[in-house]
Amino acid sequence: MIELFILVNLRVNLRLMKKQAFKILAKINKLILPSFTKKGLDISKASKMQLAIIGWRAFVTKKALH
Protein backbone atom coordinates (compact mmCIF):
# COMPACT_ATOMS: atom_id res chain seq x y z
CA MET A 1 0.00 0.00 0.00
CA ILE A 2 2.83 2.39 0.86
CA GLU A 3 4.58 1.54 -2.40
CA LEU A 4 1.46 2.53 -4.33
CA PHE A 5 1.26 5.83 -2.46
CA ILE A 6 4.92 6.54 -3.22
CA LEU A 7 4.43 5.78 -6.93
CA VAL A 8 1.33 7.97 -7.17
CA ASN A 9 3.07 10.77 -5.29
CA LEU A 10 6.12 10.50 -7.55
CA ARG A 11 3.94 10.58 -10.66
CA VAL A 12 2.11 13.70 -9.44
CA ASN A 13 5.39 15.41 -8.59
CA LEU A 14 6.84 14.62 -12.03
CA ARG A 15 3.71 15.98 -13.72
CA LEU A 16 3.97 19.21 -11.71
CA MET A 17 7.67 19.55 -12.54
CA LYS A 18 6.96 19.01 -16.24
CA LYS A 19 4.21 21.63 -16.17
CA GLN A 20 6.51 24.09 -14.41
CA ALA A 21 9.22 23.47 -17.01
CA PHE A 22 6.76 24.27 -19.82
CA LYS A 23 5.66 27.43 -18.01
CA ILE A 24 9.28 28.58 -17.86
CA LEU A 25 9.75 27.66 -21.52
CA ALA A 26 6.61 29.65 -22.42
CA LYS A 27 8.04 32.71 -20.68
CA ILE A 28 11.33 32.32 -22.55
CA ASN A 29 9.41 31.95 -25.84
CA LYS A 30 7.50 35.13 -25.08
CA LEU A 31 10.75 37.03 -24.59
CA ILE A 32 12.67 35.62 -27.53
CA LEU A 33 10.24 34.63 -30.28
CA PRO A 34 8.29 37.20 -32.29
CA SER A 35 4.56 37.67 -31.77
CA PHE A 36 2.94 37.44 -35.17
CA THR A 37 -0.46 38.47 -33.79
CA LYS A 38 0.88 41.87 -32.83
CA LYS A 39 2.41 42.22 -36.29
CA GLY A 40 -0.90 41.36 -37.94
CA LEU A 41 0.49 38.42 -39.90
CA ASP A 42 -1.93 36.77 -42.32
CA ILE A 43 -1.53 33.06 -41.58
CA SER A 44 -2.23 32.11 -45.20
CA LYS A 45 0.81 34.15 -46.28
CA ALA A 46 3.14 32.95 -43.50
CA SER A 47 6.43 31.30 -44.40
CA LYS A 48 7.30 27.79 -43.25
CA MET A 49 9.53 29.20 -40.51
CA GLN A 50 6.76 31.47 -39.24
CA LEU A 51 4.33 28.53 -39.23
CA ALA A 52 6.87 26.46 -37.30
CA ILE A 53 7.24 29.21 -34.69
CA ILE A 54 3.46 29.54 -34.39
CA GLY A 55 3.14 25.78 -33.95
CA TRP A 56 5.93 25.64 -31.38
CA ARG A 57 4.43 28.46 -29.34
CA ALA A 58 0.99 26.82 -29.45
CA PHE A 59 2.46 23.46 -28.37
CA VAL A 60 4.36 24.96 -25.43
CA THR A 61 1.39 27.08 -24.35
CA LYS A 62 -0.92 24.04 -24.44
CA LYS A 63 1.50 21.96 -22.37
CA ALA A 64 1.96 24.80 -19.87
CA LEU A 65 -1.79 25.13 -19.37
CA HIS A 66 -2.67 21.45 -19.43
C-alpha atoms as a PDB file:
ATOM      1  CA  MET A   1       0.000   0.000   0.000  1.00  0.00           C
ATOM      2  CA  ILE A   2       2.834   2.390   0.862  1.00  0.00           C
ATOM      3  CA  GLU A   3       4.583   1.543  -2.405  1.00  0.00           C
ATOM      4  CA  LEU A   4       1.463   2.525  -4.328  1.00  0.00           C
ATOM      5  CA  PHE A   5       1.264   5.831  -2.456  1.00  0.00           C
ATOM      6  CA  ILE A   6       4.925   6.542  -3.216  1.00  0.00           C
ATOM      7  CA  LEU A   7       4.434   5.778  -6.929  1.00  0.00           C
ATOM      8  CA  VAL A   8       1.332   7.971  -7.168  1.00  0.00           C
ATOM      9  CA  ASN A   9       3.072  10.774  -5.292  1.00  0.00           C
ATOM     10  CA  LEU A  10       6.118  10.500  -7.552  1.00  0.00           C
ATOM     11  CA  ARG A  11       3.944  10.583 -10.657  1.00  0.00           C
ATOM     12  CA  VAL A  12       2.107  13.700  -9.445  1.00  0.00           C
ATOM     13  CA  ASN A  13       5.392  15.408  -8.593  1.00  0.00           C
ATOM     14  CA  LEU A  14       6.844  14.615 -12.031  1.00  0.00           C
ATOM     15  CA  ARG A  15       3.711  15.982 -13.722  1.00  0.00           C
ATOM     16  CA  LEU A  16       3.970  19.210 -11.712  1.00  0.00           C
ATOM     17  CA  MET A  17       7.674  19.554 -12.537  1.00  0.00           C
ATOM     18  CA  LYS A  18       6.958  19.008 -16.238  1.00  0.00           C
ATOM     19  CA  LYS A  19       4.207  21.627 -16.165  1.00  0.00           C
ATOM     20  CA  GLN A  20       6.511  24.092 -14.412  1.00  0.00           C
ATOM     21  CA  ALA A  21       9.215  23.466 -17.012  1.00  0.00           C
ATOM     22  CA  PHE A  22       6.763  24.268 -19.816  1.00  0.00           C
ATOM     23  CA  LYS A  23       5.665  27.430 -18.005  1.00  0.00           C
ATOM     24  CA  ILE A  24       9.283  28.580 -17.857  1.00  0.00           C
ATOM     25  CA  LEU A  25       9.747  27.661 -21.524  1.00  0.00           C
ATOM     26  CA  ALA A  26       6.606  29.651 -22.422  1.00  0.00           C
ATOM     27  CA  LYS A  27       8.037  32.713 -20.685  1.00  0.00           C
ATOM     28  CA  ILE A  28      11.328  32.318 -22.554  1.00  0.00           C
ATOM     29  CA  ASN A  29       9.407  31.953 -25.836  1.00  0.00           C
ATOM     30  CA  LYS A  30       7.496  35.134 -25.081  1.00  0.00           C
ATOM     31  CA  LEU A  31      10.747  37.034 -24.587  1.00  0.00           C
ATOM     32  CA  ILE A  32      12.674  35.622 -27.529  1.00  0.00           C
ATOM     33  CA  LEU A  33      10.244  34.634 -30.285  1.00  0.00           C
ATOM     34  CA  PRO A  34       8.290  37.197 -32.294  1.00  0.00           C
ATOM     35  CA  SER A  35       4.556  37.671 -31.774  1.00  0.00           C
ATOM     36  CA  PHE A  36       2.935  37.435 -35.174  1.00  0.00           C
ATOM     37  CA  THR A  37      -0.458  38.472 -33.793  1.00  0.00           C
ATOM     38  CA  LYS A  38       0.880  41.875 -32.829  1.00  0.00           C
ATOM     39  CA  LYS A  39       2.413  42.222 -36.285  1.00  0.00           C
ATOM     40  CA  GLY A  40      -0.903  41.363 -37.944  1.00  0.00           C
ATOM     41  CA  LEU A  41       0.493  38.420 -39.903  1.00  0.00           C
ATOM     42  CA  ASP A  42      -1.926  36.770 -42.322  1.00  0.00           C
ATOM     43  CA  ILE A  43      -1.532  33.059 -41.583  1.00  0.00           C
ATOM     44  CA  SER A  44      -2.227  32.105 -45.204  1.00  0.00           C
ATOM     45  CA  LYS A  45       0.813  34.146 -46.277  1.00  0.00           C
ATOM     46  CA  ALA A  46       3.144  32.948 -43.495  1.00  0.00           C
ATOM     47  CA  SER A  47       6.428  31.298 -44.403  1.00  0.00           C
ATOM     48  CA  LYS A  48       7.300  27.795 -43.247  1.00  0.00           C
ATOM     49  CA  MET A  49       9.531  29.197 -40.514  1.00  0.00           C
ATOM     50  CA  GLN A  50       6.758  31.467 -39.240  1.00  0.00           C
ATOM     51  CA  LEU A  51       4.334  28.535 -39.229  1.00  0.00           C
ATOM     52  CA  ALA A  52       6.872  26.456 -37.302  1.00  0.00           C
ATOM     53  CA  ILE A  53       7.237  29.212 -34.694  1.00  0.00           C
ATOM     54  CA  ILE A  54       3.456  29.541 -34.389  1.00  0.00           C
ATOM     55  CA  GLY A  55       3.136  25.776 -33.954  1.00  0.00           C
ATOM     56  CA  TRP A  56       5.927  25.640 -31.383  1.00  0.00           C
ATOM     57  CA  ARG A  57       4.427  28.458 -29.340  1.00  0.00           C
ATOM     58  CA  ALA A  58       0.994  26.819 -29.452  1.00  0.00           C
ATOM     59  CA  PHE A  59       2.458  23.463 -28.372  1.00  0.00           C
ATOM     60  CA  VAL A  60       4.357  24.964 -25.435  1.00  0.00           C
ATOM     61  CA  THR A  61       1.390  27.078 -24.347  1.00  0.00           C
ATOM     62  CA  LYS A  62      -0.919  24.042 -24.438  1.00  0.00           C
ATOM     63  CA  LYS A  63       1.504  21.961 -22.365  1.00  0.00           C
ATOM     64  CA  ALA A  64       1.962  24.803 -19.869  1.00  0.00           C
ATOM     65  CA  LEU A  65      -1.793  25.132 -19.375  1.00  0.00           C
ATOM     66  CA  HIS A  66      -2.674  21.448 -19.427  1.00  0.00           C
END
